[in-house]
Amino acid sequence: MAGDPRTRLFCETQAARYATEGSARPHPALPGFLARLAPGAHILELGCGAGTDAAAILAAGFGLDPTDGSAALVRIASERLGRPARLLQFDALEANAAYNAVWANASLLHVPRPELPDILARIRRALRPGGLMFASFKTGDAEGADALGRYFNQPDPAWLLAACGPGWELVALTLRRGGGFGGVPTQWLALTLRRRQPVTGPPPERR
């Protein structure tokens, strides 16, 4: 992941605990997201964690490139999936029009606010025109560390949409109450965006 070293350290040292105590079920938005995609679409997962969502994506018949910024979580996910996950920091994403979709469940929420617009631009570039991105965030009005020392950017909807920049079409934005690691009640913001198709056709006539 980009940014905060305390969060990276937490993921490395607490990976086994995270895998044991984290949700054993895929994210509730995943089935609806996959239903928007063509069969066999190629998905990049940013922040695969212990592989819960990745396993569901693969079971549904989609192509998947599962990645995480924590080497410890990559090892756990690889063992669970029976295939390699890949170590990837968000700011090292250089793909160009390589994926039909990006799934980033509870991962971009750790990117420091000043770095988030660049990461979102990298994701847009990695998508093919018309490709979809899902990302979920803990929402609030101030960034900072939680009781475990992990950094969260805590965007509100207006700030997050502004950070996305041009080139996107908003598909869905939802707020819901839920939990988090350690059982802390959390307000979640989920965002689904589509990379805009390029404008085609003849240039307008000059008069």
C-alpha atoms as a PDB file:
ATOM      1  CA  MET A   1       0.000   0.000   0.000  1.00  0.00           C
ATOM      2  CA  ALA A   2       1.085   3.577  -0.439  1.00  0.00           C
ATOM      3  CA  GLY A   3       1.839   5.829   2.450  1.00  0.00           C
ATOM      4  CA  ASP A   4       1.594   5.213   6.157  1.00  0.00           C
ATOM      5  CA  PRO A   5       4.362   2.980   7.575  1.00  0.00           C
ATOM      6  CA  ARG A   6       2.425   2.226  10.799  1.00  0.00           C
ATOM      7  CA  THR A   7      -0.369   0.644   8.801  1.00  0.00           C
ATOM      8  CA  ARG A   8       2.095  -1.440   6.792  1.00  0.00           C
ATOM      9  CA  LEU A   9       3.723  -2.632  10.014  1.00  0.00           C
ATOM     10  CA  PHE A  10       0.341  -3.578  11.489  1.00  0.00           C
ATOM     11  CA  CYS A  11      -0.553  -5.632   8.419  1.00  0.00           C
ATOM     12  CA  GLU A  12       2.754  -7.484   8.518  1.00  0.00           C
ATOM     13  CA  THR A  13       2.732  -8.258  12.232  1.00  0.00           C
ATOM     14  CA  GLN A  14      -1.005  -8.914  12.633  1.00  0.00           C
ATOM     15  CA  ALA A  15      -1.680 -10.792   9.381  1.00  0.00           C
ATOM     16  CA  ALA A  16      -2.471 -14.119  11.044  1.00  0.00           C
ATOM     17  CA  ARG A  17      -4.834 -12.440  13.525  1.00  0.00           C
ATOM     18  CA  TYR A  18      -6.494 -10.496  10.717  1.00  0.00           C
ATOM     19  CA  ALA A  19      -7.015 -13.694   8.723  1.00  0.00           C
ATOM     20  CA  THR A  20      -8.527 -15.448  11.746  1.00  0.00           C
ATOM     21  CA  GLU A  21     -10.710 -12.627  13.085  1.00  0.00           C
ATOM     22  CA  GLY A  22     -11.674 -10.970   9.804  1.00  0.00           C
ATOM     23  CA  SER A  23     -14.949 -11.629   8.042  1.00  0.00           C
ATOM     24  CA  ALA A  24     -15.288 -15.139   6.629  1.00  0.00           C
ATOM     25  CA  ARG A  25     -17.908 -13.933   4.146  1.00  0.00           C
ATOM     26  CA  PRO A  26     -17.395 -11.962   0.923  1.00  0.00           C
ATOM     27  CA  HIS A  27     -18.358  -8.297   0.950  1.00  0.00           C
ATOM     28  CA  PRO A  28     -22.144  -7.935   0.523  1.00  0.00           C
ATOM     29  CA  ALA A  29     -21.676  -5.688  -2.526  1.00  0.00           C
ATOM     30  CA  LEU A  30     -19.575  -8.253  -4.392  1.00  0.00           C
ATOM     31  CA  PRO A  31     -22.412 -10.236  -6.081  1.00  0.00           C
ATOM     32  CA  GLY A  32     -24.008  -7.071  -7.458  1.00  0.00           C
ATOM     33  CA  PHE A  33     -20.647  -5.791  -8.679  1.00  0.00           C
ATOM     34  CA  LEU A  34     -19.862  -9.053 -10.467  1.00  0.00           C
ATOM     35  CA  ALA A  35     -23.329  -9.040 -12.042  1.00  0.00           C
ATOM     36  CA  ARG A  36     -22.378  -5.833 -13.890  1.00  0.00           C
ATOM     37  CA  LEU A  37     -19.441  -7.588 -15.595  1.00  0.00           C
ATOM     38  CA  ALA A  38     -19.289  -9.825 -18.653  1.00  0.00           C
ATOM     39  CA  PRO A  39     -18.640 -13.526 -17.944  1.00  0.00           C
ATOM     40  CA  GLY A  40     -14.942 -14.205 -17.511  1.00  0.00           C
ATOM     41  CA  ALA A  41     -14.030 -10.532 -17.069  1.00  0.00           C
ATOM     42  CA  HIS A  42     -10.480  -9.865 -15.838  1.00  0.00           C
ATOM     43  CA  ILE A  43     -10.420  -8.273 -12.363  1.00  0.00           C
ATOM     44  CA  LEU A  44      -7.592  -6.642 -10.435  1.00  0.00           C
ATOM     45  CA  GLU A  45      -8.058  -6.902  -6.680  1.00  0.00           C
ATOM     46  CA  LEU A  46      -6.212  -4.268  -4.674  1.00  0.00           C
ATOM     47  CA  GLY A  47      -5.871  -5.363  -1.066  1.00  0.00           C
ATOM     48  CA  CYS A  48      -6.906  -9.014  -1.245  1.00  0.00           C
ATOM     49  CA  GLY A  49      -6.136  -9.486   2.458  1.00  0.00           C
ATOM     50  CA  ALA A  50      -6.647 -13.098   3.485  1.00  0.00           C
ATOM     51  CA  GLY A  51      -8.381 -13.925   0.192  1.00  0.00           C
ATOM     52  CA  THR A  52     -12.057 -14.006   1.201  1.00  0.00           C
ATOM     53  CA  ASP A  53     -13.368 -11.903  -1.689  1.00  0.00           C
ATOM     54  CA  ALA A  54     -10.778 -13.371  -4.060  1.00  0.00           C
ATOM     55  CA  ALA A  55     -12.053 -16.889  -3.435  1.00  0.00           C
ATOM     56  CA  ALA A  56     -15.612 -15.797  -4.265  1.00  0.00           C
ATOM     57  CA  ILE A  57     -14.504 -14.014  -7.438  1.00  0.00           C
ATOM     58  CA  LEU A  58     -12.646 -17.070  -8.678  1.00  0.00           C
ATOM     59  CA  ALA A  59     -15.535 -19.375  -7.760  1.00  0.00           C
ATOM     60  CA  ALA A  60     -17.809 -17.193  -9.906  1.00  0.00           C
ATOM     61  CA  GLY A  61     -15.619 -17.886 -12.946  1.00  0.00           C
ATOM     62  CA  PHE A  62     -13.852 -14.548 -13.328  1.00  0.00           C
ATOM     63  CA  GLY A  63     -10.212 -13.961 -14.117  1.00  0.00           C
ATOM     64  CA  LEU A  64      -8.420 -12.444 -11.127  1.00  0.00           C
ATOM     65  CA  ASP A  65      -5.120 -10.779 -10.328  1.00  0.00           C
ATOM     66  CA  PRO A  66      -5.166 -10.767  -6.486  1.00  0.00           C
ATOM     67  CA  THR A  67      -2.702  -8.311  -4.933  1.00  0.00           C
ATOM     68  CA  ASP A  68      -1.877  -6.882  -1.533  1.00  0.00           C
ATOM     69  CA  GLY A  69       0.722  -4.520  -0.116  1.00  0.00           C
ATOM     70  CA  SER A  70       1.538  -6.874   2.773  1.00  0.00           C
ATOM     71  CA  ALA A  71       3.874  -9.785   2.076  1.00  0.00           C
ATOM     72  CA  ALA A  72       2.416 -11.675   5.042  1.00  0.00           C
ATOM     73  CA  LEU A  73      -1.145 -11.355   3.714  1.00  0.00           C
ATOM     74  CA  VAL A  74       0.007 -12.309   0.208  1.00  0.00           C
ATOM     75  CA  ARG A  75       1.345 -15.570   1.642  1.00  0.00           C
ATOM     76  CA  ILE A  76      -1.903 -16.267   3.500  1.00  0.00           C
ATOM     77  CA  ALA A  77      -4.067 -15.475   0.463  1.00  0.00           C
ATOM     78  CA  SER A  78      -1.896 -17.602  -1.822  1.00  0.00           C
ATOM     79  CA  GLU A  79      -2.253 -20.580   0.471  1.00  0.00           C
ATOM     80  CA  ARG A  80      -6.003 -20.124   0.737  1.00  0.00           C
ATOM     81  CA  LEU A  81      -6.528 -19.696  -3.010  1.00  0.00           C
ATOM     82  CA  GLY A  82      -4.157 -22.441  -4.089  1.00  0.00           C
ATOM     83  CA  ARG A  83      -2.548 -20.017  -6.531  1.00  0.00           C
ATOM     84  CA  PRO A  84      -0.185 -17.063  -6.189  1.00  0.00           C
ATOM     85  CA  ALA A  85      -1.356 -13.689  -5.017  1.00  0.00           C
ATOM     86  CA  ARG A  86       0.967 -10.825  -5.894  1.00  0.00           C
ATOM     87  CA  LEU A  87       2.748  -8.223  -3.763  1.00  0.00           C
ATOM     88  CA  LEU A  88       1.847  -4.777  -5.090  1.00  0.00           C
ATOM     89  CA  GLN A  89       1.982  -1.330  -3.539  1.00  0.00           C
ATOM     90  CA  PHE A  90      -0.724   0.985  -4.850  1.00  0.00           C
ATOM     91  CA  ASP A  91       1.799   3.543  -6.069  1.00  0.00           C
ATOM     92  CA  ALA A  92       3.556   0.838  -8.123  1.00  0.00           C
ATOM     93  CA  LEU A  93       0.457   0.156 -10.247  1.00  0.00           C
ATOM     94  CA  GLU A  94       1.544   0.869 -13.831  1.00  0.00           C
ATOM     95  CA  ALA A  95      -0.959  -1.187 -15.853  1.00  0.00           C
ATOM     96  CA  ASN A  96      -2.579   0.475 -18.842  1.00  0.00           C
ATOM     97  CA  ALA A  97      -6.058  -0.619 -19.996  1.00  0.00           C
ATOM     98  CA  ALA A  98      -5.353  -4.134 -18.705  1.00  0.00           C
ATOM     99  CA  TYR A  99      -8.450  -4.915 -16.616  1.00  0.00           C
ATOM    100  CA  ASN A 100     -12.227  -4.970 -16.969  1.00  0.00           C
ATOM    101  CA  ALA A 101     -12.685  -4.175 -13.293  1.00  0.00           C
ATOM    102  CA  VAL A 102     -10.865  -3.240 -10.082  1.00  0.00           C
ATOM    103  CA  TRP A 103     -12.102  -4.455  -6.692  1.00  0.00           C
ATOM    104  CA  ALA A 104     -10.654  -2.502  -3.758  1.00  0.00           C
ATOM    105  CA  ASN A 105     -12.589  -3.487  -0.660  1.00  0.00           C
ATOM    106  CA  ALA A 106     -11.356  -1.748   2.524  1.00  0.00           C
ATOM    107  CA  SER A 107      -7.898  -1.094   1.110  1.00  0.00           C
ATOM    108  CA  LEU A 108      -7.715   2.414  -0.392  1.00  0.00           C
ATOM    109  CA  LEU A 109      -8.985   3.714   2.954  1.00  0.00           C
ATOM    110  CA  HIS A 110      -5.374   3.517   4.198  1.00  0.00           C
ATOM    111  CA  VAL A 111      -3.953   5.814   1.478  1.00  0.00           C
ATOM    112  CA  PRO A 112      -3.051   9.255   2.888  1.00  0.00           C
ATOM    113  CA  ARG A 113      -5.374  11.898   1.512  1.00  0.00           C
ATOM    114  CA  PRO A 114      -2.697  13.790  -0.463  1.00  0.00           C
ATOM    115  CA  GLU A 115      -1.760  10.548  -2.279  1.00  0.00           C
ATOM    116  CA  LEU A 116      -5.269   9.301  -3.050  1.00  0.00           C
ATOM    117  CA  PRO A 117      -5.933  11.295  -6.274  1.00  0.00           C
ATOM    118  CA  ASP A 118      -2.786   9.827  -7.864  1.00  0.00           C
ATOM    119  CA  ILE A 119      -3.748   6.287  -6.838  1.00  0.00           C
ATOM    120  CA  LEU A 120      -7.257   6.724  -8.253  1.00  0.00           C
ATOM    121  CA  ALA A 121      -5.766   8.037 -11.512  1.00  0.00           C
ATOM    122  CA  ARG A 122      -3.524   4.946 -11.689  1.00  0.00           C
ATOM    123  CA  ILE A 123      -6.585   2.730 -11.210  1.00  0.00           C
ATOM    124  CA  ARG A 124      -8.474   4.560 -13.959  1.00  0.00           C
ATOM    125  CA  ARG A 125      -5.533   4.078 -16.309  1.00  0.00           C
ATOM    126  CA  ALA A 126      -5.361   0.361 -15.443  1.00  0.00           C
ATOM    127  CA  LEU A 127      -8.995  -0.103 -16.497  1.00  0.00           C
ATOM    128  CA  ARG A 128     -10.181  -0.600 -20.029  1.00  0.00           C
ATOM    129  CA  PRO A 129     -12.670   2.037 -21.220  1.00  0.00           C
ATOM    130  CA  GLY A 130     -16.015   1.205 -19.650  1.00  0.00           C
ATOM    131  CA  GLY A 131     -14.321  -0.759 -16.853  1.00  0.00           C
ATOM    132  CA  LEU A 132     -15.650  -0.646 -13.293  1.00  0.00           C
ATOM    133  CA  MET A 133     -14.024   0.117  -9.955  1.00  0.00           C
ATOM    134  CA  PHE A 134     -15.456  -0.643  -6.515  1.00  0.00           C
ATOM    135  CA  ALA A 135     -13.847   0.851  -3.414  1.00  0.00           C
ATOM    136  CA  SER A 136     -15.025   1.047   0.186  1.00  0.00           C
ATOM    137  CA  PHE A 137     -13.950   3.480   2.881  1.00  0.00           C
ATOM    138  CA  LYS A 138     -14.630   4.252   6.498  1.00  0.00           C
ATOM    139  CA  THR A 139     -16.255   7.654   6.283  1.00  0.00           C
ATOM    140  CA  GLY A 140     -15.952  10.648   8.571  1.00  0.00           C
ATOM    141  CA  ASP A 141     -14.777  14.221   8.646  1.00  0.00           C
ATOM    142  CA  ALA A 142     -11.134  13.857   9.684  1.00  0.00           C
ATOM    143  CA  GLU A 143      -8.246  11.590   8.733  1.00  0.00           C
ATOM    144  CA  GLY A 144      -6.065   9.962  11.361  1.00  0.00           C
ATOM    145  CA  ALA A 145      -5.046   6.822  13.228  1.00  0.00           C
ATOM    146  CA  ASP A 146      -7.374   4.453  15.046  1.00  0.00           C
ATOM    147  CA  ALA A 147      -6.771   2.832  18.443  1.00  0.00           C
ATOM    148  CA  LEU A 148      -4.598   0.173  16.757  1.00  0.00           C
ATOM    149  CA  GLY A 149      -2.371   2.779  15.123  1.00  0.00           C
ATOM    150  CA  ARG A 150      -3.698   2.238  11.581  1.00  0.00           C
ATOM    151  CA  TYR A 151      -4.163   5.309   9.393  1.00  0.00           C
ATOM    152  CA  PHE A 152      -7.574   5.959   7.768  1.00  0.00           C
ATOM    153  CA  ASN A 153      -8.323   8.741   5.298  1.00  0.00           C
ATOM    154  CA  GLN A 154     -11.992   8.928   6.458  1.00  0.00           C
ATOM    155  CA  PRO A 155     -13.423  10.787   3.430  1.00  0.00           C
ATOM    156  CA  ASP A 156     -16.924  12.154   3.193  1.00  0.00           C
ATOM    157  CA  PRO A 157     -18.744  11.637  -0.143  1.00  0.00           C
ATOM    158  CA  ALA A 158     -18.085  15.130  -1.505  1.00  0.00           C
ATOM    159  CA  TRP A 159     -14.360  15.004  -0.729  1.00  0.00           C
ATOM    160  CA  LEU A 160     -13.995  11.529  -2.204  1.00  0.00           C
ATOM    161  CA  LEU A 161     -15.786  12.366  -5.457  1.00  0.00           C
ATOM    162  CA  ALA A 162     -13.582  15.437  -5.870  1.00  0.00           C
ATOM    163  CA  ALA A 163     -10.472  13.301  -5.269  1.00  0.00           C
ATOM    164  CA  CYS A 164     -11.529  10.913  -8.051  1.00  0.00           C
ATOM    165  CA  GLY A 165     -10.946  13.602 -10.667  1.00  0.00           C
ATOM    166  CA  PRO A 166     -12.187  13.533 -14.269  1.00  0.00           C
ATOM    167  CA  GLY A 167     -12.670  10.536 -16.495  1.00  0.00           C
ATOM    168  CA  TRP A 168     -15.161   8.687 -14.302  1.00  0.00           C
ATOM    169  CA  GLU A 169     -18.901   8.073 -14.405  1.00  0.00           C
ATOM    170  CA  LEU A 170     -20.583   7.571 -11.024  1.00  0.00           C
ATOM    171  CA  VAL A 171     -22.475   4.257 -10.949  1.00  0.00           C
ATOM    172  CA  ALA A 172     -23.357   4.010  -7.259  1.00  0.00           C
ATOM    173  CA  LEU A 173     -22.513   5.588  -3.914  1.00  0.00           C
ATOM    174  CA  THR A 174     -23.904   4.050  -0.720  1.00  0.00           C
ATOM    175  CA  LEU A 175     -23.539   4.539   3.023  1.00  0.00           C
ATOM    176  CA  ARG A 176     -24.178   1.739   5.497  1.00  0.00           C
ATOM    177  CA  ARG A 177     -23.534   0.903   9.108  1.00  0.00           C
ATOM    178  CA  GLY A 178     -21.276  -2.081   9.652  1.00  0.00           C
ATOM    179  CA  GLY A 179     -18.368  -3.427  11.616  1.00  0.00           C
ATOM    180  CA  GLY A 180     -14.638  -3.323  11.343  1.00  0.00           C
ATOM    181  CA  PHE A 181     -11.601  -5.274  12.504  1.00  0.00           C
ATOM    182  CA  GLY A 182     -11.924  -5.700  16.249  1.00  0.00           C
ATOM    183  CA  GLY A 183     -15.720  -5.345  16.167  1.00  0.00           C
ATOM    184  CA  VAL A 184     -15.787  -1.537  16.179  1.00  0.00           C
ATOM    185  CA  PRO A 185     -19.038  -0.128  14.681  1.00  0.00           C
ATOM    186  CA  THR A 186     -18.257   1.731  11.480  1.00  0.00           C
ATOM    187  CA  GLN A 187     -19.995   3.911   8.917  1.00  0.00           C
ATOM    188  CA  TRP A 188     -18.924   2.607   5.489  1.00  0.00           C
ATOM    189  CA  LEU A 189     -18.936   4.516   2.214  1.00  0.00           C
ATOM    190  CA  ALA A 190     -18.951   2.340  -0.927  1.00  0.00           C
ATOM    191  CA  LEU A 191     -18.248   3.792  -4.343  1.00  0.00           C
ATOM    192  CA  THR A 192     -18.674   2.211  -7.779  1.00  0.00           C
ATOM    193  CA  LEU A 193     -17.257   4.126 -10.738  1.00  0.00           C
ATOM    194  CA  ARG A 194     -16.997   3.450 -14.463  1.00  0.00           C
ATOM    195  CA  ARG A 195     -14.083   4.612 -16.591  1.00  0.00           C
ATOM    196  CA  ARG A 196     -15.616   6.848 -19.236  1.00  0.00           C
ATOM    197  CA  GLN A 197     -15.646   5.633 -22.810  1.00  0.00           C
ATOM    198  CA  PRO A 198     -13.672   7.841 -25.221  1.00  0.00           C
ATOM    199  CA  VAL A 199     -15.780  10.136 -27.349  1.00  0.00           C
ATOM    200  CA  THR A 200     -15.894   8.802 -30.905  1.00  0.00           C
ATOM    201  CA  GLY A 201     -17.361  10.014 -34.155  1.00  0.00           C
ATOM    202  CA  PRO A 202     -16.571  12.713 -36.698  1.00  0.00           C
ATOM    203  CA  PRO A 203     -15.593  16.188 -35.514  1.00  0.00           C
ATOM    204  CA  PRO A 204     -18.340  18.804 -35.547  1.00  0.00           C
ATOM    205  CA  GLU A 205     -18.799  20.744 -38.770  1.00  0.00           C
ATOM    206  CA  ARG A 206     -17.342  24.202 -38.916  1.00  0.00           C
ATOM    207  CA  ARG A 207     -19.668  26.922 -40.132  1.00  0.00           C
END
